[in-house]
Amino acid sequence: MPAVEVAALGAARKLLGFSRSQVLVENATVADLLRELKTLDGSTLYDHLVCDGRLRGDFAVVIDGLSLKPEALGTRLQGGEQVVAMAILRHLHGG
């Protein structure tokens, strides 16, 4: 069965309790992968990163160096990809 390499950075690492792991995938989407990743509080990474079927704006999922669009959770994984989940910081402009 094919596998993907998952890296969790920042807040995603704190949620999952690991920074790197291999996950077996069989005809899986990114959403399926996020549902497979159990967090320390007993839920899944999907529960924390997805709202109304879209990736939340304060998180990013990067697949082989390309940022996933918020509505692209149905993207199929073939195996061999490197998937990175991370919180993103927004710059605050002030004066």
PDB file of N, CA and C in Angstrom:
ATOM      1  N   MET A   1       0.849  -1.178   0.000  1.00  0.00           N
ATOM      2  CA  MET A   1       0.000   0.000   0.000  1.00  0.00           C
ATOM      3  C   MET A   1       0.893   1.240   0.000  1.00  0.00           C
ATOM      4  N   PRO A   2       0.567   2.241  -0.811  1.00  0.00           N
ATOM      5  CA  PRO A   2       1.389   3.450  -0.870  1.00  0.00           C
ATOM      6  C   PRO A   2       1.294   4.265   0.425  1.00  0.00           C
ATOM      7  N   ALA A   3       2.318   5.053   0.669  1.00  0.00           N
ATOM      8  CA  ALA A   3       2.359   5.886   1.870  1.00  0.00           C
ATOM      9  C   ALA A   3       2.712   7.317   1.500  1.00  0.00           C
ATOM     10  N   VAL A   4       2.298   8.254   2.352  1.00  0.00           N
ATOM     11  CA  VAL A   4       2.719   9.640   2.233  1.00  0.00           C
ATOM     12  C   VAL A   4       3.493  10.003   3.493  1.00  0.00           C
ATOM     13  N   GLU A   5       4.417  10.915   3.339  1.00  0.00           N
ATOM     14  CA  GLU A   5       5.188  11.438   4.459  1.00  0.00           C
ATOM     15  C   GLU A   5       4.457  12.673   4.966  1.00  0.00           C
ATOM     16  N   VAL A   6       4.078  12.672   6.234  1.00  0.00           N
ATOM     17  CA  VAL A   6       3.364  13.802   6.818  1.00  0.00           C
ATOM     18  C   VAL A   6       4.303  14.536   7.754  1.00  0.00           C
ATOM     19  N   ALA A   7       4.397  15.844   7.572  1.00  0.00           N
ATOM     20  CA  ALA A   7       5.149  16.703   8.477  1.00  0.00           C
ATOM     21  C   ALA A   7       4.161  17.682   9.102  1.00  0.00           C
ATOM     22  N   ALA A   8       4.252  17.861  10.403  1.00  0.00           N
ATOM     23  CA  ALA A   8       3.387  18.791  11.120  1.00  0.00           C
ATOM     24  C   ALA A   8       4.265  19.860  11.757  1.00  0.00           C
ATOM     25  N   LEU A   9       3.934  21.105  11.475  1.00  0.00           N
ATOM     26  CA  LEU A   9       4.713  22.225  11.988  1.00  0.00           C
ATOM     27  C   LEU A   9       3.856  23.100  12.895  1.00  0.00           C
ATOM     28  N   GLY A  10       4.492  23.711  13.892  1.00  0.00           N
ATOM     29  CA  GLY A  10       3.816  24.676  14.753  1.00  0.00           C
ATOM     30  C   GLY A  10       2.600  24.106  15.454  1.00  0.00           C
ATOM     31  N   ALA A  11       1.461  24.787  15.297  1.00  0.00           N
ATOM     32  CA  ALA A  11       0.224  24.398  15.969  1.00  0.00           C
ATOM     33  C   ALA A  11      -0.236  23.006  15.544  1.00  0.00           C
ATOM     34  N   ALA A  12      -0.001  22.635  14.294  1.00  0.00           N
ATOM     35  CA  ALA A  12      -0.379  21.295  13.832  1.00  0.00           C
ATOM     36  C   ALA A  12       0.429  20.229  14.587  1.00  0.00           C
ATOM     37  N   ARG A  13       1.700  20.490  14.827  1.00  0.00           N
ATOM     38  CA  ARG A  13       2.531  19.555  15.594  1.00  0.00           C
ATOM     39  C   ARG A  13       2.012  19.423  17.019  1.00  0.00           C
ATOM     40  N   LYS A  14       1.609  20.530  17.614  1.00  0.00           N
ATOM     41  CA  LYS A  14       1.073  20.487  18.981  1.00  0.00           C
ATOM     42  C   LYS A  14      -0.234  19.700  19.027  1.00  0.00           C
ATOM     43  N   LEU A  15      -1.054  19.830  17.997  1.00  0.00           N
ATOM     44  CA  LEU A  15      -2.316  19.079  17.948  1.00  0.00           C
ATOM     45  C   LEU A  15      -2.074  17.579  17.816  1.00  0.00           C
ATOM     46  N   LEU A  16      -1.099  17.209  16.956  1.00  0.00           N
ATOM     47  CA  LEU A  16      -0.863  15.803  16.654  1.00  0.00           C
ATOM     48  C   LEU A  16       0.099  15.113  17.617  1.00  0.00           C
ATOM     49  N   GLY A  17       1.014  15.872  18.183  1.00  0.00           N
ATOM     50  CA  GLY A  17       1.993  15.281  19.084  1.00  0.00           C
ATOM     51  C   GLY A  17       3.181  14.667  18.362  1.00  0.00           C
ATOM     52  N   PHE A  18       3.326  14.936  17.076  1.00  0.00           N
ATOM     53  CA  PHE A  18       4.504  14.480  16.326  1.00  0.00           C
ATOM     54  C   PHE A  18       4.855  15.510  15.258  1.00  0.00           C
ATOM     55  N   SER A  19       6.099  15.438  14.796  1.00  0.00           N
ATOM     56  CA  SER A  19       6.504  16.348  13.714  1.00  0.00           C
ATOM     57  C   SER A  19       6.616  15.637  12.372  1.00  0.00           C
ATOM     58  N   ARG A  20       6.844  14.317  12.378  1.00  0.00           N
ATOM     59  CA  ARG A  20       6.918  13.550  11.123  1.00  0.00           C
ATOM     60  C   ARG A  20       6.338  12.155  11.324  1.00  0.00           C
ATOM     61  N   SER A  21       5.651  11.682  10.276  1.00  0.00           N
ATOM     62  CA  SER A  21       5.090  10.337  10.319  1.00  0.00           C
ATOM     63  C   SER A  21       4.807   9.874   8.893  1.00  0.00           C
ATOM     64  N   GLN A  22       4.782   8.574   8.706  1.00  0.00           N
ATOM     65  CA  GLN A  22       4.345   8.010   7.428  1.00  0.00           C
ATOM     66  C   GLN A  22       2.941   7.471   7.610  1.00  0.00           C
ATOM     67  N   VAL A  23       2.083   7.752   6.626  1.00  0.00           N
ATOM     68  CA  VAL A  23       0.694   7.304   6.692  1.00  0.00           C
ATOM     69  C   VAL A  23       0.384   6.538   5.411  1.00  0.00           C
ATOM     70  N   LEU A  24      -0.178   5.344   5.574  1.00  0.00           N
ATOM     71  CA  LEU A  24      -0.566   4.533   4.417  1.00  0.00           C
ATOM     72  C   LEU A  24      -1.839   5.103   3.808  1.00  0.00           C
ATOM     73  N   VAL A  25      -1.854   5.204   2.486  1.00  0.00           N
ATOM     74  CA  VAL A  25      -3.037   5.713   1.786  1.00  0.00           C
ATOM     75  C   VAL A  25      -3.405   4.760   0.659  1.00  0.00           C
ATOM     76  N   GLU A  26      -4.685   4.570   0.480  1.00  0.00           N
ATOM     77  CA  GLU A  26      -5.178   3.732  -0.612  1.00  0.00           C
ATOM     78  C   GLU A  26      -6.343   4.489  -1.232  1.00  0.00           C
ATOM     79  N   ASN A  27      -6.125   5.063  -2.422  1.00  0.00           N
ATOM     80  CA  ASN A  27      -7.173   5.808  -3.112  1.00  0.00           C
ATOM     81  C   ASN A  27      -7.767   6.888  -2.200  1.00  0.00           C
ATOM     82  N   ALA A  28      -6.911   7.609  -1.475  1.00  0.00           N
ATOM     83  CA  ALA A  28      -7.354   8.584  -0.481  1.00  0.00           C
ATOM     84  C   ALA A  28      -7.252  10.005  -1.012  1.00  0.00           C
ATOM     85  N   THR A  29      -8.116  10.865  -0.469  1.00  0.00           N
ATOM     86  CA  THR A  29      -8.040  12.291  -0.737  1.00  0.00           C
ATOM     87  C   THR A  29      -7.308  12.964   0.420  1.00  0.00           C
ATOM     88  N   VAL A  30      -7.014  14.244   0.256  1.00  0.00           N
ATOM     89  CA  VAL A  30      -6.411  15.001   1.350  1.00  0.00           C
ATOM     90  C   VAL A  30      -7.362  15.002   2.551  1.00  0.00           C
ATOM     91  N   ALA A  31      -8.655  15.152   2.309  1.00  0.00           N
ATOM     92  CA  ALA A  31      -9.632  15.117   3.402  1.00  0.00           C
ATOM     93  C   ALA A  31      -9.566  13.777   4.143  1.00  0.00           C
ATOM     94  N   ASP A  32      -9.459  12.673   3.392  1.00  0.00           N
ATOM     95  CA  ASP A  32      -9.342  11.353   4.023  1.00  0.00           C
ATOM     96  C   ASP A  32      -8.099  11.282   4.902  1.00  0.00           C
ATOM     97  N   LEU A  33      -6.989  11.805   4.397  1.00  0.00           N
ATOM     98  CA  LEU A  33      -5.742  11.803   5.164  1.00  0.00           C
ATOM     99  C   LEU A  33      -5.917  12.589   6.456  1.00  0.00           C
ATOM    100  N   LEU A  34      -6.506  13.781   6.375  1.00  0.00           N
ATOM    101  CA  LEU A  34      -6.702  14.597   7.572  1.00  0.00           C
ATOM    102  C   LEU A  34      -7.608  13.900   8.578  1.00  0.00           C
ATOM    103  N   ARG A  35      -8.567  13.113   8.090  1.00  0.00           N
ATOM    104  CA  ARG A  35      -9.452  12.353   8.991  1.00  0.00           C
ATOM    105  C   ARG A  35      -8.718  11.181   9.648  1.00  0.00           C
ATOM    106  N   GLU A  36      -7.664  10.682   9.011  1.00  0.00           N
ATOM    107  CA  GLU A  36      -6.867   9.580   9.574  1.00  0.00           C
ATOM    108  C   GLU A  36      -5.916  10.045  10.663  1.00  0.00           C
ATOM    109  N   LEU A  37      -5.558  11.309  10.666  1.00  0.00           N
ATOM    110  CA  LEU A  37      -4.578  11.833  11.614  1.00  0.00           C
ATOM    111  C   LEU A  37      -5.267  12.212  12.925  1.00  0.00           C
ATOM    112  N   LYS A  38      -5.107  11.357  13.921  1.00  0.00           N
ATOM    113  CA  LYS A  38      -5.736  11.556  15.227  1.00  0.00           C
ATOM    114  C   LYS A  38      -4.942  12.569  16.041  1.00  0.00           C
ATOM    115  N   THR A  39      -5.656  13.489  16.670  1.00  0.00           N
ATOM    116  CA  THR A  39      -5.010  14.503  17.496  1.00  0.00           C
ATOM    117  C   THR A  39      -4.983  14.044  18.960  1.00  0.00           C
ATOM    118  N   LEU A  40      -4.203  14.740  19.746  1.00  0.00           N
ATOM    119  CA  LEU A  40      -4.033  14.367  21.150  1.00  0.00           C
ATOM    120  C   LEU A  40      -5.331  14.480  21.948  1.00  0.00           C
ATOM    121  N   ASP A  41      -6.269  15.304  21.498  1.00  0.00           N
ATOM    122  CA  ASP A  41      -7.529  15.466  22.219  1.00  0.00           C
ATOM    123  C   ASP A  41      -8.589  14.443  21.800  1.00  0.00           C
ATOM    124  N   GLY A  42      -8.211  13.488  20.931  1.00  0.00           N
ATOM    125  CA  GLY A  42      -9.123  12.432  20.529  1.00  0.00           C
ATOM    126  C   GLY A  42      -9.931  12.719  19.276  1.00  0.00           C
ATOM    127  N   SER A  43      -9.788  13.916  18.717  1.00  0.00           N
ATOM    128  CA  SER A  43     -10.477  14.211  17.463  1.00  0.00           C
ATOM    129  C   SER A  43      -9.518  13.941  16.302  1.00  0.00           C
ATOM    130  N   THR A  44      -9.725  14.579  15.174  1.00  0.00           N
ATOM    131  CA  THR A  44      -8.836  14.399  14.027  1.00  0.00           C
ATOM    132  C   THR A  44      -8.318  15.750  13.562  1.00  0.00           C
ATOM    133  N   LEU A  45      -7.271  15.729  12.766  1.00  0.00           N
ATOM    134  CA  LEU A  45      -6.758  16.977  12.224  1.00  0.00           C
ATOM    135  C   LEU A  45      -7.803  17.636  11.324  1.00  0.00           C
ATOM    136  N   TYR A  46      -8.621  16.831  10.655  1.00  0.00           N
ATOM    137  CA  TYR A  46      -9.710  17.364   9.834  1.00  0.00           C
ATOM    138  C   TYR A  46     -10.634  18.239  10.691  1.00  0.00           C
ATOM    139  N   ASP A  47     -10.969  17.764  11.883  1.00  0.00           N
ATOM    140  CA  ASP A  47     -11.857  18.517  12.770  1.00  0.00           C
ATOM    141  C   ASP A  47     -11.300  19.891  13.107  1.00  0.00           C
ATOM    142  N   HIS A  48      -9.985  20.008  13.195  1.00  0.00           N
ATOM    143  CA  HIS A  48      -9.343  21.265  13.578  1.00  0.00           C
ATOM    144  C   HIS A  48      -9.063  22.180  12.389  1.00  0.00           C
ATOM    145  N   LEU A  49      -8.788  21.615  11.210  1.00  0.00           N
ATOM    146  CA  LEU A  49      -8.340  22.415  10.071  1.00  0.00           C
ATOM    147  C   LEU A  49      -9.420  22.756   9.056  1.00  0.00           C
ATOM    148  N   VAL A  50     -10.570  22.088   9.126  1.00  0.00           N
ATOM    149  CA  VAL A  50     -11.586  22.245   8.088  1.00  0.00           C
ATOM    150  C   VAL A  50     -12.867  22.821   8.684  1.00  0.00           C
ATOM    151  N   CYS A  51     -13.442  23.789   7.977  1.00  0.00           N
ATOM    152  CA  CYS A  51     -14.708  24.395   8.367  1.00  0.00           C
ATOM    153  C   CYS A  51     -15.573  24.518   7.110  1.00  0.00           C
ATOM    154  N   ASP A  52     -16.777  24.007   7.164  1.00  0.00           N
ATOM    155  CA  ASP A  52     -17.704  24.053   6.021  1.00  0.00           C
ATOM    156  C   ASP A  52     -17.091  23.457   4.754  1.00  0.00           C
ATOM    157  N   GLY A  53     -16.327  22.376   4.909  1.00  0.00           N
ATOM    158  CA  GLY A  53     -15.755  21.680   3.765  1.00  0.00           C
ATOM    159  C   GLY A  53     -14.562  22.353   3.120  1.00  0.00           C
ATOM    160  N   ARG A  54     -14.058  23.401   3.741  1.00  0.00           N
ATOM    161  CA  ARG A  54     -12.896  24.142   3.212  1.00  0.00           C
ATOM    162  C   ARG A  54     -11.815  24.243   4.286  1.00  0.00           C
ATOM    163  N   LEU A  55     -10.580  24.272   3.839  1.00  0.00           N
ATOM    164  CA  LEU A  55      -9.456  24.467   4.740  1.00  0.00           C
ATOM    165  C   LEU A  55      -9.575  25.848   5.387  1.00  0.00           C
ATOM    166  N   ARG A  56      -9.445  25.893   6.701  1.00  0.00           N
ATOM    167  CA  ARG A  56      -9.513  27.181   7.407  1.00  0.00           C
ATOM    168  C   ARG A  56      -8.404  28.111   6.931  1.00  0.00           C
ATOM    169  N   GLY A  57      -8.656  29.405   6.986  1.00  0.00           N
ATOM    170  CA  GLY A  57      -7.699  30.399   6.513  1.00  0.00           C
ATOM    171  C   GLY A  57      -6.451  30.534   7.352  1.00  0.00           C
ATOM    172  N   ASP A  58      -6.471  30.032   8.576  1.00  0.00           N
ATOM    173  CA  ASP A  58      -5.298  30.157   9.440  1.00  0.00           C
ATOM    174  C   ASP A  58      -4.414  28.916   9.429  1.00  0.00           C
ATOM    175  N   PHE A  59      -4.710  27.972   8.529  1.00  0.00           N
ATOM    176  CA  PHE A  59      -3.882  26.781   8.350  1.00  0.00           C
ATOM    177  C   PHE A  59      -3.565  26.596   6.873  1.00  0.00           C
ATOM    178  N   ALA A  60      -2.474  25.913   6.612  1.00  0.00           N
ATOM    179  CA  ALA A  60      -2.094  25.579   5.240  1.00  0.00           C
ATOM    180  C   ALA A  60      -1.727  24.106   5.178  1.00  0.00           C
ATOM    181  N   VAL A  61      -2.034  23.489   4.046  1.00  0.00           N
ATOM    182  CA  VAL A  61      -1.571  22.144   3.734  1.00  0.00           C
ATOM    183  C   VAL A  61      -0.768  22.272   2.451  1.00  0.00           C
ATOM    184  N   VAL A  62       0.457  21.798   2.497  1.00  0.00           N
ATOM    185  CA  VAL A  62       1.368  21.895   1.356  1.00  0.00           C
ATOM    186  C   VAL A  62       1.690  20.474   0.902  1.00  0.00           C
ATOM    187  N   ILE A  63       1.501  20.224  -0.390  1.00  0.00           N
ATOM    188  CA  ILE A  63       1.778  18.901  -0.952  1.00  0.00           C
ATOM    189  C   ILE A  63       2.903  19.043  -1.956  1.00  0.00           C
ATOM    190  N   ASP A  64       4.017  18.377  -1.671  1.00  0.00           N
ATOM    191  CA  ASP A  64       5.202  18.438  -2.527  1.00  0.00           C
ATOM    192  C   ASP A  64       5.571  19.879  -2.888  1.00  0.00           C
ATOM    193  N   GLY A  65       5.502  20.765  -1.899  1.00  0.00           N
ATOM    194  CA  GLY A  65       5.924  22.143  -2.078  1.00  0.00           C
ATOM    195  C   GLY A  65       4.867  23.086  -2.625  1.00  0.00           C
ATOM    196  N   LEU A  66       3.679  22.582  -2.961  1.00  0.00           N
ATOM    197  CA  LEU A  66       2.615  23.438  -3.500  1.00  0.00           C
ATOM    198  C   LEU A  66       1.480  23.552  -2.490  1.00  0.00           C
ATOM    199  N   SER A  67       1.093  24.777  -2.188  1.00  0.00           N
ATOM    200  CA  SER A  67       0.036  25.022  -1.218  1.00  0.00           C
ATOM    201  C   SER A  67      -1.316  24.593  -1.778  1.00  0.00           C
ATOM    202  N   LEU A  68      -2.053  23.845  -0.983  1.00  0.00           N
ATOM    203  CA  LEU A  68      -3.372  23.365  -1.373  1.00  0.00           C
ATOM    204  C   LEU A  68      -4.382  24.503  -1.254  1.00  0.00           C
ATOM    205  N   LYS A  69      -5.219  24.663  -2.259  1.00  0.00           N
ATOM    206  CA  LYS A  69      -6.266  25.678  -2.195  1.00  0.00           C
ATOM    207  C   LYS A  69      -7.310  25.226  -1.170  1.00  0.00           C
ATOM    208  N   PRO A  70      -7.931  26.176  -0.467  1.00  0.00           N
ATOM    209  CA  PRO A  70      -8.871  25.813   0.605  1.00  0.00           C
ATOM    210  C   PRO A  70      -9.998  24.879   0.165  1.00  0.00           C
ATOM    211  N   GLU A  71     -10.421  24.967  -1.082  1.00  0.00           N
ATOM    212  CA  GLU A  71     -11.531  24.142  -1.560  1.00  0.00           C
ATOM    213  C   GLU A  71     -11.079  22.833  -2.198  1.00  0.00           C
ATOM    214  N   ALA A  72      -9.789  22.533  -2.171  1.00  0.00           N
ATOM    215  CA  ALA A  72      -9.241  21.373  -2.889  1.00  0.00           C
ATOM    216  C   ALA A  72      -8.990  20.154  -1.999  1.00  0.00           C
ATOM    217  N   LEU A  73      -9.781  19.977  -0.958  1.00  0.00           N
ATOM    218  CA  LEU A  73      -9.590  18.840  -0.055  1.00  0.00           C
ATOM    219  C   LEU A  73      -9.887  17.503  -0.719  1.00  0.00           C
ATOM    220  N   GLY A  74     -10.534  17.521  -1.879  1.00  0.00           N
ATOM    221  CA  GLY A  74     -10.822  16.300  -2.621  1.00  0.00           C
ATOM    222  C   GLY A  74      -9.668  15.841  -3.499  1.00  0.00           C
ATOM    223  N   THR A  75      -8.536  16.536  -3.447  1.00  0.00           N
ATOM    224  CA  THR A  75      -7.361  16.157  -4.231  1.00  0.00           C
ATOM    225  C   THR A  75      -6.915  14.754  -3.855  1.00  0.00           C
ATOM    226  N   ARG A  76      -6.713  13.905  -4.848  1.00  0.00           N
ATOM    227  CA  ARG A  76      -6.309  12.507  -4.618  1.00  0.00           C
ATOM    228  C   ARG A  76      -4.811  12.416  -4.350  1.00  0.00           C
ATOM    229  N   LEU A  77      -4.458  11.543  -3.426  1.00  0.00           N
ATOM    230  CA  LEU A  77      -3.060  11.249  -3.109  1.00  0.00           C
ATOM    231  C   LEU A  77      -2.692   9.927  -3.768  1.00  0.00           C
ATOM    232  N   GLN A  78      -1.544   9.888  -4.420  1.00  0.00           N
ATOM    233  CA  GLN A  78      -1.093   8.684  -5.119  1.00  0.00           C
ATOM    234  C   GLN A  78      -0.171   7.834  -4.259  1.00  0.00           C
ATOM    235  N   GLY A  79       0.441   8.466  -3.273  1.00  0.00           N
ATOM    236  CA  GLY A  79       1.486   7.815  -2.476  1.00  0.00           C
ATOM    237  C   GLY A  79       2.820   8.403  -2.879  1.00  0.00           C
ATOM    238  N   GLY A  80       3.695   8.562  -1.933  1.00  0.00           N
ATOM    239  CA  GLY A  80       5.003   9.137  -2.200  1.00  0.00           C
ATOM    240  C   GLY A  80       5.057  10.642  -2.002  1.00  0.00           C
ATOM    241  N   GLU A  81       3.912  11.282  -1.803  1.00  0.00           N
ATOM    242  CA  GLU A  81       3.909  12.723  -1.600  1.00  0.00           C
ATOM    243  C   GLU A  81       4.420  13.081  -0.205  1.00  0.00           C
ATOM    244  N   GLN A  82       4.904  14.310  -0.102  1.00  0.00           N
ATOM    245  CA  GLN A  82       5.211  14.870   1.203  1.00  0.00           C
ATOM    246  C   GLN A  82       4.126  15.900   1.494  1.00  0.00           C
ATOM    247  N   VAL A  83       3.413  15.695   2.584  1.00  0.00           N
ATOM    248  CA  VAL A  83       2.305  16.564   2.975  1.00  0.00           C
ATOM    249  C   VAL A  83       2.711  17.280   4.256  1.00  0.00           C
ATOM    250  N   VAL A  84       2.638  18.601   4.239  1.00  0.00           N
ATOM    251  CA  VAL A  84       2.984  19.411   5.408  1.00  0.00           C
ATOM    252  C   VAL A  84       1.734  20.155   5.861  1.00  0.00           C
ATOM    253  N   ALA A  85       1.416  20.042   7.135  1.00  0.00           N
ATOM    254  CA  ALA A  85       0.309  20.792   7.733  1.00  0.00           C
ATOM    255  C   ALA A  85       0.901  21.801   8.703  1.00  0.00           C
ATOM    256  N   MET A  86       0.412  23.053   8.615  1.00  0.00           N
ATOM    257  CA  MET A  86       0.964  24.097   9.472  1.00  0.00           C
ATOM    258  C   MET A  86      -0.024  25.238   9.650  1.00  0.00           C
ATOM    259  N   ALA A  87       0.123  25.922  10.763  1.00  0.00           N
ATOM    260  CA  ALA A  87      -0.625  27.160  10.967  1.00  0.00           C
ATOM    261  C   ALA A  87       0.121  28.249  10.209  1.00  0.00           C
ATOM    262  N   ILE A  88      -0.622  29.207   9.713  1.00  0.00           N
ATOM    263  CA  ILE A  88       0.026  30.337   9.039  1.00  0.00           C
ATOM    264  C   ILE A  88      -0.254  31.601   9.808  1.00  0.00           C
ATOM    265  N   LEU A  89       0.723  32.457   9.841  1.00  0.00           N
ATOM    266  CA  LEU A  89       0.600  33.724  10.548  1.00  0.00           C
ATOM    267  C   LEU A  89       0.286  34.802   9.538  1.00  0.00           C
ATOM    268  N   ARG A  90      -0.624  35.637   9.892  1.00  0.00           N
ATOM    269  CA  ARG A  90      -0.983  36.779   9.066  1.00  0.00           C
ATOM    270  C   ARG A  90      -0.262  38.003   9.620  1.00  0.00           C
ATOM    271  N   HIS A  91       0.237  38.847   8.728  1.00  0.00           N
ATOM    272  CA  HIS A  91       0.864  40.090   9.161  1.00  0.00           C
ATOM    273  C   HIS A  91      -0.225  41.069   9.581  1.00  0.00           C
ATOM    274  N   LEU A  92      -0.016  41.665  10.693  1.00  0.00           N
ATOM    275  CA  LEU A  92      -0.946  42.710  11.159  1.00  0.00           C
ATOM    276  C   LEU A  92      -0.355  44.056  10.789  1.00  0.00           C
ATOM    277  N   HIS A  93      -1.124  44.848  10.104  1.00  0.00           N
ATOM    278  CA  HIS A  93      -0.663  46.179   9.715  1.00  0.00           C
ATOM    279  C   HIS A  93      -1.215  47.177  10.702  1.00  0.00           C
ATOM    280  N   GLY A  94      -0.370  48.042  11.132  1.00  0.00           N
ATOM    281  CA  GLY A  94      -0.791  49.053  12.090  1.00  0.00           C
ATOM    282  C   GLY A  94      -0.035  50.333  11.865  1.00  0.00           C
ATOM    283  N   GLY A  95      -0.392  51.296  12.618  1.00  0.00           N
ATOM    284  CA  GLY A  95       0.272  52.575  12.405  1.00  0.00           C
ATOM    285  C   GLY A  95       0.621  53.236  13.686  1.00  0.00           C
TER     286      GLY A  95
END
